[in-house]
Amino acid sequence: MTQYDNTDRGAVFPPRENEKMILKGQANNDGEDIRLVYTMSVTKDGKKIIDVYQKVGTLFPNDKKSDAHPDYTGPFGDRRIACWNKEKDGMRYMSLTFSDKKLEGGATKAIDDSIPF
């Protein structure tokens, strides 16, 4: 049996009914400026929790030339992210892929796999 490979792929969905963004802002962690978002939700046993998320990328609307092209693209750390708007059974979501950034001429960036000693 062939196992599905979901490497560099994913999907994002609307928040749960009991999940909402409550705070956002900037902070400094060990000398690094970061942007944070806090969400509040309730666990299955009724306990309130706050999750902390750090900004890792930005999406920009893409100038689509065909349906195969992503709806949004942008930087994701040292890589790129591409997202497509989807809908299944009345639920809207985004399908996404991650890839290495392209260099001029279309080649992907070189990976330095040398041993430093």
PDB file of N, CA and C in Angstrom:
ATOM      1  N   MET A   1       0.841  -1.182   0.000  1.00  0.00           N
ATOM      2  CA  MET A   1       0.000   0.000   0.000  1.00  0.00           C
ATOM      3  C   MET A   1       0.884   1.242   0.000  1.00  0.00           C
ATOM      4  N   THR A   2       0.596   2.182  -0.878  1.00  0.00           N
ATOM      5  CA  THR A   2       1.336   3.430  -0.966  1.00  0.00           C
ATOM      6  C   THR A   2       0.804   4.416   0.069  1.00  0.00           C
ATOM      7  N   GLN A   3       1.731   4.998   0.833  1.00  0.00           N
ATOM      8  CA  GLN A   3       1.323   5.979   1.839  1.00  0.00           C
ATOM      9  C   GLN A   3       1.370   7.371   1.229  1.00  0.00           C
ATOM     10  N   TYR A   4       0.369   8.177   1.544  1.00  0.00           N
ATOM     11  CA  TYR A   4       0.285   9.550   1.038  1.00  0.00           C
ATOM     12  C   TYR A   4       1.420  10.379   1.615  1.00  0.00           C
ATOM     13  N   ASP A   5       2.130  11.100   0.776  1.00  0.00           N
ATOM     14  CA  ASP A   5       3.220  11.972   1.210  1.00  0.00           C
ATOM     15  C   ASP A   5       2.705  13.404   1.269  1.00  0.00           C
ATOM     16  N   ASN A   6       2.584  13.949   2.472  1.00  0.00           N
ATOM     17  CA  ASN A   6       2.098  15.322   2.617  1.00  0.00           C
ATOM     18  C   ASN A   6       3.223  16.301   2.924  1.00  0.00           C
ATOM     19  N   THR A   7       4.456  15.932   2.602  1.00  0.00           N
ATOM     20  CA  THR A   7       5.592  16.822   2.802  1.00  0.00           C
ATOM     21  C   THR A   7       5.389  18.110   2.007  1.00  0.00           C
ATOM     22  N   ASP A   8       5.614  19.257   2.645  1.00  0.00           N
ATOM     23  CA  ASP A   8       5.492  20.577   2.024  1.00  0.00           C
ATOM     24  C   ASP A   8       4.070  20.887   1.550  1.00  0.00           C
ATOM     25  N   ARG A   9       3.074  20.312   2.201  1.00  0.00           N
ATOM     26  CA  ARG A   9       1.668  20.551   1.872  1.00  0.00           C
ATOM     27  C   ARG A   9       0.871  20.736   3.159  1.00  0.00           C
ATOM     28  N   GLY A  10      -0.316  21.305   3.038  1.00  0.00           N
ATOM     29  CA  GLY A  10      -1.175  21.455   4.194  1.00  0.00           C
ATOM     30  C   GLY A  10      -2.483  22.104   3.819  1.00  0.00           C
ATOM     31  N   ALA A  11      -3.289  22.389   4.831  1.00  0.00           N
ATOM     32  CA  ALA A  11      -4.568  23.061   4.641  1.00  0.00           C
ATOM     33  C   ALA A  11      -4.872  23.847   5.904  1.00  0.00           C
ATOM     34  N   VAL A  12      -5.569  24.960   5.748  1.00  0.00           N
ATOM     35  CA  VAL A  12      -6.003  25.775   6.878  1.00  0.00           C
ATOM     36  C   VAL A  12      -7.506  25.976   6.771  1.00  0.00           C
ATOM     37  N   PHE A  13      -8.154  26.001   7.939  1.00  0.00           N
ATOM     38  CA  PHE A  13      -9.609  26.047   8.013  1.00  0.00           C
ATOM     39  C   PHE A  13     -10.055  27.199   8.894  1.00  0.00           C
ATOM     40  N   PRO A  14     -11.339  27.566   8.821  1.00  0.00           N
ATOM     41  CA  PRO A  14     -11.849  28.607   9.724  1.00  0.00           C
ATOM     42  C   PRO A  14     -11.656  28.180  11.177  1.00  0.00           C
ATOM     43  N   PRO A  15     -11.531  29.148  12.090  1.00  0.00           N
ATOM     44  CA  PRO A  15     -11.386  28.798  13.505  1.00  0.00           C
ATOM     45  C   PRO A  15     -12.623  28.071  14.028  1.00  0.00           C
ATOM     46  N   ARG A  16     -12.406  27.304  15.105  1.00  0.00           N
ATOM     47  CA  ARG A  16     -13.539  26.635  15.761  1.00  0.00           C
ATOM     48  C   ARG A  16     -14.468  27.696  16.341  1.00  0.00           C
ATOM     49  N   GLU A  17     -15.710  27.316  16.604  1.00  0.00           N
ATOM     50  CA  GLU A  17     -16.695  28.260  17.159  1.00  0.00           C
ATOM     51  C   GLU A  17     -16.222  28.875  18.462  1.00  0.00           C
ATOM     52  N   ASN A  18     -15.497  28.107  19.262  1.00  0.00           N
ATOM     53  CA  ASN A  18     -15.072  28.596  20.572  1.00  0.00           C
ATOM     54  C   ASN A  18     -13.660  29.196  20.551  1.00  0.00           C
ATOM     55  N   GLU A  19     -13.146  29.498  19.378  1.00  0.00           N
ATOM     56  CA  GLU A  19     -11.800  30.048  19.258  1.00  0.00           C
ATOM     57  C   GLU A  19     -11.865  31.451  18.665  1.00  0.00           C
ATOM     58  N   LYS A  20     -11.215  32.403  19.344  1.00  0.00           N
ATOM     59  CA  LYS A  20     -11.206  33.762  18.815  1.00  0.00           C
ATOM     60  C   LYS A  20      -9.872  34.435  19.108  1.00  0.00           C
ATOM     61  N   MET A  21      -9.484  35.328  18.202  1.00  0.00           N
ATOM     62  CA  MET A  21      -8.276  36.118  18.421  1.00  0.00           C
ATOM     63  C   MET A  21      -8.592  37.147  19.489  1.00  0.00           C
ATOM     64  N   ILE A  22      -7.720  37.260  20.493  1.00  0.00           N
ATOM     65  CA  ILE A  22      -7.986  38.200  21.575  1.00  0.00           C
ATOM     66  C   ILE A  22      -6.941  39.312  21.670  1.00  0.00           C
ATOM     67  N   LEU A  23      -5.714  39.054  21.232  1.00  0.00           N
ATOM     68  CA  LEU A  23      -4.650  40.058  21.316  1.00  0.00           C
ATOM     69  C   LEU A  23      -3.668  39.878  20.174  1.00  0.00           C
ATOM     70  N   LYS A  24      -2.986  40.968  19.796  1.00  0.00           N
ATOM     71  CA  LYS A  24      -1.884  40.891  18.841  1.00  0.00           C
ATOM     72  C   LYS A  24      -0.907  41.994  19.184  1.00  0.00           C
ATOM     73  N   GLY A  25       0.354  41.818  18.833  1.00  0.00           N
ATOM     74  CA  GLY A  25       1.336  42.851  19.128  1.00  0.00           C
ATOM     75  C   GLY A  25       2.753  42.401  18.851  1.00  0.00           C
ATOM     76  N   GLN A  26       3.679  43.223  19.320  1.00  0.00           N
ATOM     77  CA  GLN A  26       5.099  42.959  19.120  1.00  0.00           C
ATOM     78  C   GLN A  26       5.754  42.685  20.454  1.00  0.00           C
ATOM     79  N   ALA A  27       6.840  41.927  20.421  1.00  0.00           N
ATOM     80  CA  ALA A  27       7.610  41.620  21.611  1.00  0.00           C
ATOM     81  C   ALA A  27       9.059  41.435  21.201  1.00  0.00           C
ATOM     82  N   ASN A  28       9.930  41.367  22.190  1.00  0.00           N
ATOM     83  CA  ASN A  28      11.336  41.091  21.928  1.00  0.00           C
ATOM     84  C   ASN A  28      11.699  39.853  22.729  1.00  0.00           C
ATOM     85  N   ASN A  29      12.162  38.830  22.036  1.00  0.00           N
ATOM     86  CA  ASN A  29      12.545  37.563  22.661  1.00  0.00           C
ATOM     87  C   ASN A  29      14.033  37.345  22.455  1.00  0.00           C
ATOM     88  N   ASP A  30      14.810  37.499  23.521  1.00  0.00           N
ATOM     89  CA  ASP A  30      16.250  37.264  23.466  1.00  0.00           C
ATOM     90  C   ASP A  30      16.927  38.105  22.386  1.00  0.00           C
ATOM     91  N   GLY A  31      16.493  39.373  22.268  1.00  0.00           N
ATOM     92  CA  GLY A  31      17.094  40.293  21.309  1.00  0.00           C
ATOM     93  C   GLY A  31      16.462  40.285  19.931  1.00  0.00           C
ATOM     94  N   GLU A  32      15.502  39.394  19.685  1.00  0.00           N
ATOM     95  CA  GLU A  32      14.843  39.317  18.380  1.00  0.00           C
ATOM     96  C   GLU A  32      13.436  39.899  18.480  1.00  0.00           C
ATOM     97  N   ASP A  33      13.133  40.885  17.609  1.00  0.00           N
ATOM     98  CA  ASP A  33      11.785  41.450  17.557  1.00  0.00           C
ATOM     99  C   ASP A  33      10.868  40.463  16.850  1.00  0.00           C
ATOM    100  N   ILE A  34       9.732  40.178  17.464  1.00  0.00           N
ATOM    101  CA  ILE A  34       8.776  39.220  16.908  1.00  0.00           C
ATOM    102  C   ILE A  34       7.371  39.800  16.971  1.00  0.00           C
ATOM    103  N   ARG A  35       6.468  39.261  16.135  1.00  0.00           N
ATOM    104  CA  ARG A  35       5.051  39.647  16.156  1.00  0.00           C
ATOM    105  C   ARG A  35       4.253  38.442  16.628  1.00  0.00           C
ATOM    106  N   LEU A  36       3.296  38.706  17.530  1.00  0.00           N
ATOM    107  CA  LEU A  36       2.534  37.635  18.156  1.00  0.00           C
ATOM    108  C   LEU A  36       1.034  37.841  18.003  1.00  0.00           C
ATOM    109  N   VAL A  37       0.297  36.738  17.997  1.00  0.00           N
ATOM    110  CA  VAL A  37      -1.162  36.731  18.057  1.00  0.00           C
ATOM    111  C   VAL A  37      -1.549  35.741  19.147  1.00  0.00           C
ATOM    112  N   TYR A  38      -2.519  36.151  19.986  1.00  0.00           N
ATOM    113  CA  TYR A  38      -3.043  35.285  21.034  1.00  0.00           C
ATOM    114  C   TYR A  38      -4.482  34.926  20.678  1.00  0.00           C
ATOM    115  N   THR A  39      -4.817  33.638  20.799  1.00  0.00           N
ATOM    116  CA  THR A  39      -6.200  33.203  20.618  1.00  0.00           C
ATOM    117  C   THR A  39      -6.675  32.529  21.897  1.00  0.00           C
ATOM    118  N   MET A  40      -7.964  32.652  22.162  1.00  0.00           N
ATOM    119  CA  MET A  40      -8.547  31.988  23.332  1.00  0.00           C
ATOM    120  C   MET A  40      -9.537  30.952  22.846  1.00  0.00           C
ATOM    121  N   SER A  41      -9.535  29.796  23.511  1.00  0.00           N
ATOM    122  CA  SER A  41     -10.498  28.743  23.210  1.00  0.00           C
ATOM    123  C   SER A  41     -10.765  27.956  24.487  1.00  0.00           C
ATOM    124  N   VAL A  42     -11.628  26.980  24.363  1.00  0.00           N
ATOM    125  CA  VAL A  42     -12.006  26.144  25.497  1.00  0.00           C
ATOM    126  C   VAL A  42     -11.738  24.692  25.118  1.00  0.00           C
ATOM    127  N   THR A  43     -11.069  23.959  26.001  1.00  0.00           N
ATOM    128  CA  THR A  43     -10.797  22.549  25.745  1.00  0.00           C
ATOM    129  C   THR A  43     -12.071  21.731  25.876  1.00  0.00           C
ATOM    130  N   LYS A  44     -12.008  20.451  25.491  1.00  0.00           N
ATOM    131  CA  LYS A  44     -13.180  19.567  25.572  1.00  0.00           C
ATOM    132  C   LYS A  44     -13.722  19.455  26.995  1.00  0.00           C
ATOM    133  N   ASP A  45     -12.827  19.578  27.988  1.00  0.00           N
ATOM    134  CA  ASP A  45     -13.281  19.478  29.376  1.00  0.00           C
ATOM    135  C   ASP A  45     -13.651  20.831  29.986  1.00  0.00           C
ATOM    136  N   GLY A  46     -13.755  21.878  29.157  1.00  0.00           N
ATOM    137  CA  GLY A  46     -14.237  23.180  29.608  1.00  0.00           C
ATOM    138  C   GLY A  46     -13.185  24.141  30.135  1.00  0.00           C
ATOM    139  N   LYS A  47     -11.919  23.791  30.049  1.00  0.00           N
ATOM    140  CA  LYS A  47     -10.847  24.655  30.547  1.00  0.00           C
ATOM    141  C   LYS A  47     -10.492  25.709  29.495  1.00  0.00           C
ATOM    142  N   LYS A  48     -10.457  26.995  29.898  1.00  0.00           N
ATOM    143  CA  LYS A  48     -10.057  28.068  28.982  1.00  0.00           C
ATOM    144  C   LYS A  48      -8.544  28.039  28.802  1.00  0.00           C
ATOM    145  N   ILE A  49      -8.115  28.191  27.548  1.00  0.00           N
ATOM    146  CA  ILE A  49      -6.682  28.249  27.251  1.00  0.00           C
ATOM    147  C   ILE A  49      -6.412  29.392  26.278  1.00  0.00           C
ATOM    148  N   ILE A  50      -5.180  29.880  26.292  1.00  0.00           N
ATOM    149  CA  ILE A  50      -4.718  30.891  25.343  1.00  0.00           C
ATOM    150  C   ILE A  50      -3.544  30.289  24.583  1.00  0.00           C
ATOM    151  N   ASP A  51      -3.640  30.279  23.259  1.00  0.00           N
ATOM    152  CA  ASP A  51      -2.544  29.831  22.404  1.00  0.00           C
ATOM    153  C   ASP A  51      -1.807  31.058  21.891  1.00  0.00           C
ATOM    154  N   VAL A  52      -0.471  30.959  21.796  1.00  0.00           N
ATOM    155  CA  VAL A  52       0.380  32.052  21.330  1.00  0.00           C
ATOM    156  C   VAL A  52       0.965  31.647  19.981  1.00  0.00           C
ATOM    157  N   TYR A  53       0.797  32.522  18.968  1.00  0.00           N
ATOM    158  CA  TYR A  53       1.309  32.264  17.620  1.00  0.00           C
ATOM    159  C   TYR A  53       2.288  33.352  17.237  1.00  0.00           C
ATOM    160  N   GLN A  54       3.382  32.957  16.570  1.00  0.00           N
ATOM    161  CA  GLN A  54       4.378  33.911  16.096  1.00  0.00           C
ATOM    162  C   GLN A  54       4.271  34.030  14.581  1.00  0.00           C
ATOM    163  N   LYS A  55       4.352  35.259  14.087  1.00  0.00           N
ATOM    164  CA  LYS A  55       4.282  35.490  12.640  1.00  0.00           C
ATOM    165  C   LYS A  55       5.469  34.816  11.961  1.00  0.00           C
ATOM    166  N   VAL A  56       5.167  34.052  10.905  1.00  0.00           N
ATOM    167  CA  VAL A  56       6.212  33.355  10.169  1.00  0.00           C
ATOM    168  C   VAL A  56       6.198  33.660   8.675  1.00  0.00           C
ATOM    169  N   GLY A  57       5.179  34.377   8.190  1.00  0.00           N
ATOM    170  CA  GLY A  57       5.109  34.666   6.767  1.00  0.00           C
ATOM    171  C   GLY A  57       4.034  35.680   6.464  1.00  0.00           C
ATOM    172  N   THR A  58       3.932  36.030   5.177  1.00  0.00           N
ATOM    173  CA  THR A  58       2.951  36.992   4.693  1.00  0.00           C
ATOM    174  C   THR A  58       2.423  36.502   3.353  1.00  0.00           C
ATOM    175  N   LEU A  59       1.120  36.628   3.150  1.00  0.00           N
ATOM    176  CA  LEU A  59       0.508  36.241   1.872  1.00  0.00           C
ATOM    177  C   LEU A  59       0.055  37.475   1.111  1.00  0.00           C
ATOM    178  N   PHE A  60       0.284  37.463  -0.193  1.00  0.00           N
ATOM    179  CA  PHE A  60      -0.144  38.534  -1.079  1.00  0.00           C
ATOM    180  C   PHE A  60      -1.036  37.945  -2.160  1.00  0.00           C
ATOM    181  N   PRO A  61      -2.101  38.672  -2.573  1.00  0.00           N
ATOM    182  CA  PRO A  61      -2.929  38.172  -3.675  1.00  0.00           C
ATOM    183  C   PRO A  61      -2.056  37.946  -4.911  1.00  0.00           C
ATOM    184  N   ASN A  62      -2.304  36.850  -5.596  1.00  0.00           N
ATOM    185  CA  ASN A  62      -1.525  36.490  -6.774  1.00  0.00           C
ATOM    186  C   ASN A  62      -2.287  36.870  -8.036  1.00  0.00           C
ATOM    187  N   ASP A  63      -1.579  37.359  -9.036  1.00  0.00           N
ATOM    188  CA  ASP A  63      -2.167  37.675 -10.334  1.00  0.00           C
ATOM    189  C   ASP A  63      -2.327  36.362 -11.103  1.00  0.00           C
ATOM    190  N   LYS A  64      -3.486  35.702 -10.911  1.00  0.00           N
ATOM    191  CA  LYS A  64      -3.724  34.385 -11.504  1.00  0.00           C
ATOM    192  C   LYS A  64      -3.892  34.482 -13.017  1.00  0.00           C
ATOM    193  N   LYS A  65      -3.185  33.620 -13.713  1.00  0.00           N
ATOM    194  CA  LYS A  65      -3.331  33.546 -15.161  1.00  0.00           C
ATOM    195  C   LYS A  65      -4.120  32.292 -15.552  1.00  0.00           C
ATOM    196  N   SER A  66      -4.305  31.371 -14.596  1.00  0.00           N
ATOM    197  CA  SER A  66      -5.131  30.177 -14.808  1.00  0.00           C
ATOM    198  C   SER A  66      -5.575  29.660 -13.438  1.00  0.00           C
ATOM    199  N   ASP A  67      -6.531  28.726 -13.438  1.00  0.00           N
ATOM    200  CA  ASP A  67      -7.009  28.145 -12.184  1.00  0.00           C
ATOM    201  C   ASP A  67      -5.914  27.370 -11.458  1.00  0.00           C
ATOM    202  N   ALA A  68      -4.911  26.913 -12.187  1.00  0.00           N
ATOM    203  CA  ALA A  68      -3.827  26.155 -11.564  1.00  0.00           C
ATOM    204  C   ALA A  68      -2.913  27.050 -10.725  1.00  0.00           C
ATOM    205  N   HIS A  69      -2.882  28.332 -11.021  1.00  0.00           N
ATOM    206  CA  HIS A  69      -2.032  29.250 -10.260  1.00  0.00           C
ATOM    207  C   HIS A  69      -2.640  29.520  -8.893  1.00  0.00           C
ATOM    208  N   PRO A  70      -1.794  29.713  -7.862  1.00  0.00           N
ATOM    209  CA  PRO A  70      -2.322  29.961  -6.512  1.00  0.00           C
ATOM    210  C   PRO A  70      -3.043  31.297  -6.407  1.00  0.00           C
ATOM    211  N   ASP A  71      -3.976  31.379  -5.447  1.00  0.00           N
ATOM    212  CA  ASP A  71      -4.685  32.632  -5.177  1.00  0.00           C
ATOM    213  C   ASP A  71      -3.807  33.604  -4.387  1.00  0.00           C
ATOM    214  N   TYR A  72      -2.913  33.069  -3.558  1.00  0.00           N
ATOM    215  CA  TYR A  72      -2.009  33.882  -2.742  1.00  0.00           C
ATOM    216  C   TYR A  72      -0.631  33.253  -2.719  1.00  0.00           C
ATOM    217  N   THR A  73       0.410  34.085  -2.666  1.00  0.00           N
ATOM    218  CA  THR A  73       1.779  33.616  -2.508  1.00  0.00           C
ATOM    219  C   THR A  73       2.521  34.587  -1.596  1.00  0.00           C
ATOM    220  N   GLY A  74       3.661  34.134  -1.076  1.00  0.00           N
ATOM    221  CA  GLY A  74       4.460  35.033  -0.261  1.00  0.00           C
ATOM    222  C   GLY A  74       5.612  34.326   0.426  1.00  0.00           C
ATOM    223  N   PRO A  75       6.424  35.113   1.138  1.00  0.00           N
ATOM    224  CA  PRO A  75       7.562  34.531   1.855  1.00  0.00           C
ATOM    225  C   PRO A  75       7.091  33.796   3.111  1.00  0.00           C
ATOM    226  N   PHE A  76       7.772  32.714   3.432  1.00  0.00           N
ATOM    227  CA  PHE A  76       7.510  31.931   4.633  1.00  0.00           C
ATOM    228  C   PHE A  76       8.863  31.551   5.215  1.00  0.00           C
ATOM    229  N   GLY A  77       9.402  32.413   6.070  1.00  0.00           N
ATOM    230  CA  GLY A  77      10.765  32.210   6.556  1.00  0.00           C
ATOM    231  C   GLY A  77      11.724  32.273   5.384  1.00  0.00           C
ATOM    232  N   ASP A  78      12.565  31.255   5.228  1.00  0.00           N
ATOM    233  CA  ASP A  78      13.512  31.180   4.106  1.00  0.00           C
ATOM    234  C   ASP A  78      12.905  30.508   2.881  1.00  0.00           C
ATOM    235  N   ARG A  79      11.609  30.205   2.923  1.00  0.00           N
ATOM    236  CA  ARG A  79      10.953  29.495   1.828  1.00  0.00           C
ATOM    237  C   ARG A  79       9.808  30.332   1.267  1.00  0.00           C
ATOM    238  N   ARG A  80       8.985  29.740   0.421  1.00  0.00           N
ATOM    239  CA  ARG A  80       7.802  30.381  -0.159  1.00  0.00           C
ATOM    240  C   ARG A  80       6.576  29.561   0.205  1.00  0.00           C
ATOM    241  N   ILE A  81       5.425  30.231   0.284  1.00  0.00           N
ATOM    242  CA  ILE A  81       4.157  29.560   0.507  1.00  0.00           C
ATOM    243  C   ILE A  81       3.203  29.972  -0.607  1.00  0.00           C
ATOM    244  N   ALA A  82       2.422  29.022  -1.086  1.00  0.00           N
ATOM    245  CA  ALA A  82       1.401  29.279  -2.104  1.00  0.00           C
ATOM    246  C   ALA A  82       0.089  28.690  -1.599  1.00  0.00           C
ATOM    247  N   CYS A  83      -1.031  29.438  -1.764  1.00  0.00           N
ATOM    248  CA  CYS A  83      -2.328  29.002  -1.241  1.00  0.00           C
ATOM    249  C   CYS A  83      -3.415  29.114  -2.307  1.00  0.00           C
ATOM    250  N   TRP A  84      -4.312  28.125  -2.301  1.00  0.00           N
ATOM    251  CA  TRP A  84      -5.455  28.102  -3.199  1.00  0.00           C
ATOM    252  C   TRP A  84      -6.730  28.103  -2.381  1.00  0.00           C
ATOM    253  N   ASN A  85      -7.697  28.963  -2.723  1.00  0.00           N
ATOM    254  CA  ASN A  85      -9.012  28.955  -2.084  1.00  0.00           C
ATOM    255  C   ASN A  85      -9.757  27.711  -2.540  1.00  0.00           C
ATOM    256  N   LYS A  86     -10.342  26.983  -1.587  1.00  0.00           N
ATOM    257  CA  LYS A  86     -11.076  25.750  -1.888  1.00  0.00           C
ATOM    258  C   LYS A  86     -12.383  25.749  -1.103  1.00  0.00           C
ATOM    259  N   GLU A  87     -13.287  24.854  -1.502  1.00  0.00           N
ATOM    260  CA  GLU A  87     -14.530  24.636  -0.753  1.00  0.00           C
ATOM    261  C   GLU A  87     -14.929  23.180  -0.908  1.00  0.00           C
ATOM    262  N   LYS A  88     -15.316  22.557   0.210  1.00  0.00           N
ATOM    263  CA  LYS A  88     -15.791  21.173   0.180  1.00  0.00           C
ATOM    264  C   LYS A  88     -16.926  21.044   1.178  1.00  0.00           C
ATOM    265  N   ASP A  89     -18.034  20.496   0.737  1.00  0.00           N
ATOM    266  CA  ASP A  89     -19.215  20.312   1.597  1.00  0.00           C
ATOM    267  C   ASP A  89     -19.620  21.612   2.272  1.00  0.00           C
ATOM    268  N   GLY A  90     -19.521  22.729   1.551  1.00  0.00           N
ATOM    269  CA  GLY A  90     -19.922  24.025   2.079  1.00  0.00           C
ATOM    270  C   GLY A  90     -18.907  24.693   2.986  1.00  0.00           C
ATOM    271  N   MET A  91     -17.772  24.038   3.257  1.00  0.00           N
ATOM    272  CA  MET A  91     -16.749  24.634   4.118  1.00  0.00           C
ATOM    273  C   MET A  91     -15.621  25.202   3.258  1.00  0.00           C
ATOM    274  N   ARG A  92     -15.347  26.485   3.461  1.00  0.00           N
ATOM    275  CA  ARG A  92     -14.244  27.127   2.747  1.00  0.00           C
ATOM    276  C   ARG A  92     -12.958  26.900   3.517  1.00  0.00           C
ATOM    277  N   TYR A  93     -11.871  26.653   2.772  1.00  0.00           N
ATOM    278  CA  TYR A  93     -10.555  26.468   3.369  1.00  0.00           C
ATOM    279  C   TYR A  93      -9.502  26.839   2.340  1.00  0.00           C
ATOM    280  N   MET A  94      -8.240  26.795   2.737  1.00  0.00           N
ATOM    281  CA  MET A  94      -7.136  27.040   1.813  1.00  0.00           C
ATOM    282  C   MET A  94      -6.215  25.831   1.794  1.00  0.00           C
ATOM    283  N   SER A  95      -5.897  25.387   0.601  1.00  0.00           N
ATOM    284  CA  SER A  95      -4.895  24.356   0.399  1.00  0.00           C
ATOM    285  C   SER A  95      -3.570  25.077   0.196  1.00  0.00           C
ATOM    286  N   LEU A  96      -2.473  24.543   0.753  1.00  0.00           N
ATOM    287  CA  LEU A  96      -1.208  25.268   0.639  1.00  0.00           C
ATOM    288  C   LEU A  96      -0.038  24.348   0.376  1.00  0.00           C
ATOM    289  N   THR A  97       0.990  24.927  -0.240  1.00  0.00           N
ATOM    290  CA  THR A  97       2.249  24.221  -0.469  1.00  0.00           C
ATOM    291  C   THR A  97       3.403  25.138  -0.103  1.00  0.00           C
ATOM    292  N   PHE A  98       4.500  24.522   0.302  1.00  0.00           N
ATOM    293  CA  PHE A  98       5.741  25.234   0.604  1.00  0.00           C
ATOM    294  C   PHE A  98       6.792  24.808  -0.404  1.00  0.00           C
ATOM    295  N   SER A  99       7.658  25.751  -0.770  1.00  0.00           N
ATOM    296  CA  SER A  99       8.724  25.424  -1.722  1.00  0.00           C
ATOM    297  C   SER A  99       9.936  26.300  -1.432  1.00  0.00           C
ATOM    298  N   ASP A 100      11.070  25.906  -2.006  1.00  0.00           N
ATOM    299  CA  ASP A 100      12.272  26.728  -1.895  1.00  0.00           C
ATOM    300  C   ASP A 100      12.112  27.954  -2.765  1.00  0.00           C
ATOM    301  N   LYS A 101      12.723  29.046  -2.345  1.00  0.00           N
ATOM    302  CA  LYS A 101      12.673  30.274  -3.148  1.00  0.00           C
ATOM    303  C   LYS A 101      13.422  30.051  -4.446  1.00  0.00           C
ATOM    304  N   LYS A 102      12.946  30.699  -5.503  1.00  0.00           N
ATOM    305  CA  LYS A 102      13.573  30.589  -6.825  1.00  0.00           C
ATOM    306  C   LYS A 102      14.634  31.674  -6.986  1.00  0.00           C
ATOM    307  N   LEU A 103      15.728  31.319  -7.633  1.00  0.00           N
ATOM    308  CA  LEU A 103      16.763  32.284  -7.973  1.00  0.00           C
ATOM    309  C   LEU A 103      16.491  32.809  -9.377  1.00  0.00           C
ATOM    310  N   GLU A 104      17.219  33.827  -9.785  1.00  0.00           N
ATOM    311  CA  GLU A 104      17.058  34.331 -11.151  1.00  0.00           C
ATOM    312  C   GLU A 104      17.308  33.190 -12.123  1.00  0.00           C
ATOM    313  N   GLY A 105      16.502  33.095 -13.154  1.00  0.00           N
ATOM    314  CA  GLY A 105      16.618  32.018 -14.130  1.00  0.00           C
ATOM    315  C   GLY A 105      15.779  30.802 -13.774  1.00  0.00           C
ATOM    316  N   GLY A 106      15.091  30.839 -12.603  1.00  0.00           N
ATOM    317  CA  GLY A 106      14.179  29.766 -12.241  1.00  0.00           C
ATOM    318  C   GLY A 106      14.771  28.650 -11.396  1.00  0.00           C
ATOM    319  N   ALA A 107      16.085  28.650 -11.151  1.00  0.00           N
ATOM    320  CA  ALA A 107      16.672  27.602 -10.323  1.00  0.00           C
ATOM    321  C   ALA A 107      16.311  27.835  -8.861  1.00  0.00           C
ATOM    322  N   THR A 108      16.246  26.752  -8.079  1.00  0.00           N
ATOM    323  CA  THR A 108      16.001  26.906  -6.649  1.00  0.00           C
ATOM    324  C   THR A 108      17.307  27.222  -5.954  1.00  0.00           C
ATOM    325  N   LYS A 109      17.212  27.801  -4.757  1.00  0.00           N
ATOM    326  CA  LYS A 109      18.423  28.181  -4.037  1.00  0.00           C
ATOM    327  C   LYS A 109      19.228  26.943  -3.690  1.00  0.00           C
ATOM    328  N   ALA A 110      20.530  27.093  -3.696  1.00  0.00           N
ATOM    329  CA  ALA A 110      21.427  25.978  -3.393  1.00  0.00           C
ATOM    330  C   ALA A 110      21.395  25.677  -1.909  1.00  0.00           C
ATOM    331  N   ILE A 111      21.487  24.398  -1.575  1.00  0.00           N
ATOM    332  CA  ILE A 111      21.523  23.970  -0.189  1.00  0.00           C
ATOM    333  C   ILE A 111      22.973  23.686   0.177  1.00  0.00           C
ATOM    334  N   ASP A 112      23.432  24.300   1.264  1.00  0.00           N
ATOM    335  CA  ASP A 112      24.791  24.081   1.736  1.00  0.00           C
ATOM    336  C   ASP A 112      24.774  22.886   2.656  1.00  0.00           C
ATOM    337  N   ASP A 113      25.130  21.710   2.124  1.00  0.00           N
ATOM    338  CA  ASP A 113      25.120  20.505   2.960  1.00  0.00           C
ATOM    339  C   ASP A 113      26.526  20.090   3.347  1.00  0.00           C
ATOM    340  N   SER A 114      27.462  21.036   3.308  1.00  0.00           N
ATOM    341  CA  SER A 114      28.822  20.730   3.694  1.00  0.00           C
ATOM    342  C   SER A 114      28.917  20.567   5.208  1.00  0.00           C
ATOM    343  N   ILE A 115      29.854  19.754   5.620  1.00  0.00           N
ATOM    344  CA  ILE A 115      30.088  19.524   7.047  1.00  0.00           C
ATOM    345  C   ILE A 115      31.054  20.596   7.530  1.00  0.00           C
ATOM    346  N   PRO A 116      30.698  21.334   8.610  1.00  0.00           N
ATOM    347  CA  PRO A 116      31.498  22.485   9.025  1.00  0.00           C
ATOM    348  C   PRO A 116      32.779  22.133   9.773  1.00  0.00           C
ATOM    349  N   PHE A 117      33.228  20.877   9.783  1.00  0.00           N
ATOM    350  CA  PHE A 117      34.475  20.537  10.489  1.00  0.00           C
ATOM    351  C   PHE A 117      35.311  19.609   9.666  1.00  0.00           C
TER     352      PHE A 117
END
